[in-house]
Amino acid sequence: MKNKMKKNYKLLNVIVAVIFAILIMTIGYVMRGNEDKFTVIMLLISLWFVPYNYLNKKSKANLCK
């Protein structure tokens, strides 16, 4: 059971990463030539760290229990 939950958290982490990667590429394309593009991309990367760290911690917590 623990191994299955660990795999689910890892899969969800990959899905979230792919979604954020698509968002970053889309923003980069849509905001071509805009000075705020870099700020928006850095904001998206910062927002990505929240679910990444949460899911990473959950997958490791299940190993210890």
N, C-alpha and C. Protein backbone atom coordinates (compact mmCIF):
# COMPACT_ATOMS: atom_id res chain seq x y z
N MET A 1 0.83 -1.20 0.00
CA MET A 1 0.00 0.00 0.00
C MET A 1 0.87 1.26 0.00
N LYS A 2 1.93 1.24 0.82
CA LYS A 2 2.80 2.42 0.89
C LYS A 2 3.49 2.67 -0.43
N ASN A 3 3.90 1.59 -1.09
CA ASN A 3 4.59 1.74 -2.36
C ASN A 3 3.66 2.32 -3.43
N LYS A 4 2.39 1.92 -3.40
CA LYS A 4 1.42 2.44 -4.36
C LYS A 4 1.17 3.92 -4.14
N MET A 5 1.07 4.34 -2.88
CA MET A 5 0.87 5.76 -2.57
C MET A 5 2.09 6.56 -2.99
N LYS A 6 3.28 6.01 -2.77
CA LYS A 6 4.50 6.69 -3.18
C LYS A 6 4.51 6.91 -4.69
N LYS A 7 4.10 5.89 -5.44
CA LYS A 7 4.05 6.01 -6.90
C LYS A 7 3.02 7.05 -7.32
N ASN A 8 1.88 7.10 -6.60
CA ASN A 8 0.86 8.09 -6.93
C ASN A 8 1.37 9.51 -6.72
N TYR A 9 2.07 9.73 -5.62
CA TYR A 9 2.62 11.07 -5.35
C TYR A 9 3.67 11.43 -6.39
N LYS A 10 4.50 10.47 -6.78
CA LYS A 10 5.50 10.75 -7.80
C LYS A 10 4.86 11.05 -9.15
N LEU A 11 3.83 10.30 -9.51
CA LEU A 11 3.13 10.54 -10.76
C LEU A 11 2.46 11.90 -10.75
N LEU A 12 1.82 12.23 -9.65
CA LEU A 12 1.18 13.54 -9.53
C LEU A 12 2.21 14.66 -9.62
N ASN A 13 3.38 14.44 -9.05
CA ASN A 13 4.45 15.43 -9.12
C ASN A 13 4.90 15.65 -10.56
N VAL A 14 5.00 14.57 -11.33
CA VAL A 14 5.38 14.68 -12.74
C VAL A 14 4.30 15.41 -13.53
N ILE A 15 3.04 15.11 -13.25
CA ILE A 15 1.94 15.76 -13.95
C ILE A 15 1.94 17.26 -13.68
N VAL A 16 2.14 17.63 -12.42
CA VAL A 16 2.18 19.05 -12.05
C VAL A 16 3.36 19.73 -12.74
N ALA A 17 4.50 19.06 -12.79
CA ALA A 17 5.68 19.64 -13.44
C ALA A 17 5.43 19.86 -14.93
N VAL A 18 4.78 18.91 -15.59
CA VAL A 18 4.50 19.05 -17.02
C VAL A 18 3.52 20.20 -17.25
N ILE A 19 2.52 20.32 -16.40
CA ILE A 19 1.55 21.42 -16.54
C ILE A 19 2.25 22.76 -16.40
N PHE A 20 3.12 22.89 -15.39
CA PHE A 20 3.83 24.15 -15.22
C PHE A 20 4.80 24.40 -16.37
N ALA A 21 5.41 23.36 -16.91
CA ALA A 21 6.30 23.54 -18.06
C ALA A 21 5.52 24.07 -19.26
N ILE A 22 4.33 23.52 -19.48
CA ILE A 22 3.49 24.00 -20.58
C ILE A 22 3.09 25.45 -20.35
N LEU A 23 2.74 25.78 -19.11
CA LEU A 23 2.39 27.17 -18.78
C LEU A 23 3.56 28.12 -19.04
N ILE A 24 4.74 27.71 -18.64
CA ILE A 24 5.92 28.57 -18.81
C ILE A 24 6.21 28.78 -20.29
N MET A 25 6.12 27.71 -21.08
CA MET A 25 6.37 27.85 -22.52
C MET A 25 5.29 28.71 -23.18
N THR A 26 4.05 28.55 -22.74
CA THR A 26 2.96 29.35 -23.30
C THR A 26 3.13 30.83 -22.97
N ILE A 27 3.46 31.11 -21.72
CA ILE A 27 3.68 32.50 -21.31
C ILE A 27 4.86 33.09 -22.08
N GLY A 28 5.91 32.31 -22.25
CA GLY A 28 7.06 32.78 -23.02
C GLY A 28 6.70 33.13 -24.45
N TYR A 29 5.81 32.35 -25.03
CA TYR A 29 5.39 32.61 -26.41
C TYR A 29 4.43 33.79 -26.49
N VAL A 30 3.46 33.84 -25.59
CA VAL A 30 2.44 34.88 -25.63
C VAL A 30 3.02 36.25 -25.29
N MET A 31 3.98 36.30 -24.39
CA MET A 31 4.51 37.58 -23.93
C MET A 31 5.82 37.94 -24.64
N ARG A 32 5.96 37.52 -25.89
CA ARG A 32 7.17 37.87 -26.63
C ARG A 32 7.35 39.38 -26.67
N GLY A 33 8.55 39.83 -26.37
CA GLY A 33 8.85 41.24 -26.45
C GLY A 33 8.35 42.05 -25.27
N ASN A 34 7.69 41.42 -24.34
CA ASN A 34 7.19 42.13 -23.16
C ASN A 34 8.26 42.10 -22.07
N GLU A 35 8.47 43.21 -21.43
CA GLU A 35 9.51 43.31 -20.40
C GLU A 35 9.18 42.50 -19.15
N ASP A 36 7.90 42.23 -18.92
CA ASP A 36 7.49 41.52 -17.71
C ASP A 36 7.50 40.00 -17.87
N LYS A 37 7.91 39.52 -19.02
CA LYS A 37 7.92 38.09 -19.27
C LYS A 37 8.79 37.34 -18.26
N PHE A 38 9.97 37.85 -18.00
CA PHE A 38 10.89 37.20 -17.07
C PHE A 38 10.28 37.13 -15.67
N THR A 39 9.63 38.20 -15.24
CA THR A 39 9.01 38.23 -13.91
C THR A 39 7.90 37.21 -13.81
N VAL A 40 7.08 37.11 -14.83
CA VAL A 40 5.97 36.15 -14.81
C VAL A 40 6.50 34.72 -14.80
N ILE A 41 7.53 34.45 -15.58
CA ILE A 41 8.11 33.10 -15.61
C ILE A 41 8.73 32.76 -14.25
N MET A 42 9.42 33.69 -13.64
CA MET A 42 9.99 33.43 -12.31
C MET A 42 8.88 33.21 -11.26
N LEU A 43 7.78 33.92 -11.40
CA LEU A 43 6.64 33.73 -10.51
C LEU A 43 6.06 32.33 -10.68
N LEU A 44 5.92 31.87 -11.91
CA LEU A 44 5.41 30.51 -12.15
C LEU A 44 6.35 29.45 -11.59
N ILE A 45 7.64 29.66 -11.73
CA ILE A 45 8.61 28.71 -11.17
C ILE A 45 8.50 28.70 -9.65
N SER A 46 8.35 29.86 -9.05
CA SER A 46 8.19 29.93 -7.60
C SER A 46 6.91 29.23 -7.15
N LEU A 47 5.84 29.40 -7.90
CA LEU A 47 4.59 28.73 -7.57
C LEU A 47 4.69 27.22 -7.75
N TRP A 48 5.51 26.78 -8.68
CA TRP A 48 5.69 25.36 -8.91
C TRP A 48 6.35 24.68 -7.72
N PHE A 49 7.22 25.39 -7.02
CA PHE A 49 7.92 24.80 -5.88
C PHE A 49 6.97 24.39 -4.75
N VAL A 50 5.84 25.04 -4.62
CA VAL A 50 4.91 24.71 -3.54
C VAL A 50 4.37 23.29 -3.69
N PRO A 51 3.71 22.94 -4.81
CA PRO A 51 3.23 21.56 -4.91
C PRO A 51 4.36 20.54 -5.02
N TYR A 52 5.49 20.94 -5.63
CA TYR A 52 6.61 20.02 -5.73
C TYR A 52 7.12 19.62 -4.35
N ASN A 53 7.35 20.60 -3.50
CA ASN A 53 7.85 20.29 -2.16
C ASN A 53 6.83 19.51 -1.34
N TYR A 54 5.56 19.87 -1.46
CA TYR A 54 4.52 19.17 -0.72
C TYR A 54 4.44 17.71 -1.14
N LEU A 55 4.39 17.45 -2.44
CA LEU A 55 4.28 16.08 -2.93
C LEU A 55 5.55 15.28 -2.66
N ASN A 56 6.68 15.94 -2.73
CA ASN A 56 7.95 15.27 -2.44
C ASN A 56 8.01 14.87 -0.97
N LYS A 57 7.58 15.76 -0.10
CA LYS A 57 7.57 15.45 1.32
C LYS A 57 6.59 14.32 1.63
N LYS A 58 5.42 14.33 0.98
CA LYS A 58 4.41 13.28 1.20
C LYS A 58 4.94 11.93 0.74
N SER A 59 5.62 11.89 -0.39
CA SER A 59 6.12 10.60 -0.88
C SER A 59 7.21 10.07 0.02
N LYS A 60 8.02 10.93 0.60
CA LYS A 60 9.07 10.48 1.52
C LYS A 60 8.51 10.14 2.88
N ALA A 61 7.45 10.80 3.30
CA ALA A 61 6.83 10.53 4.60
C ALA A 61 6.21 9.13 4.61
N ASN A 62 5.69 8.70 3.47
CA ASN A 62 5.09 7.38 3.40
C ASN A 62 6.14 6.27 3.49
N LEU A 63 7.37 6.58 3.15
CA LEU A 63 8.43 5.59 3.28
C LEU A 63 8.77 5.32 4.73
N CYS A 64 8.71 6.35 5.55
CA CYS A 64 9.12 6.25 6.94
C CYS A 64 8.06 5.61 7.82
N LYS A 65 6.81 5.66 7.41
CA LYS A 65 5.73 5.12 8.25
C LYS A 65 5.58 3.64 8.10
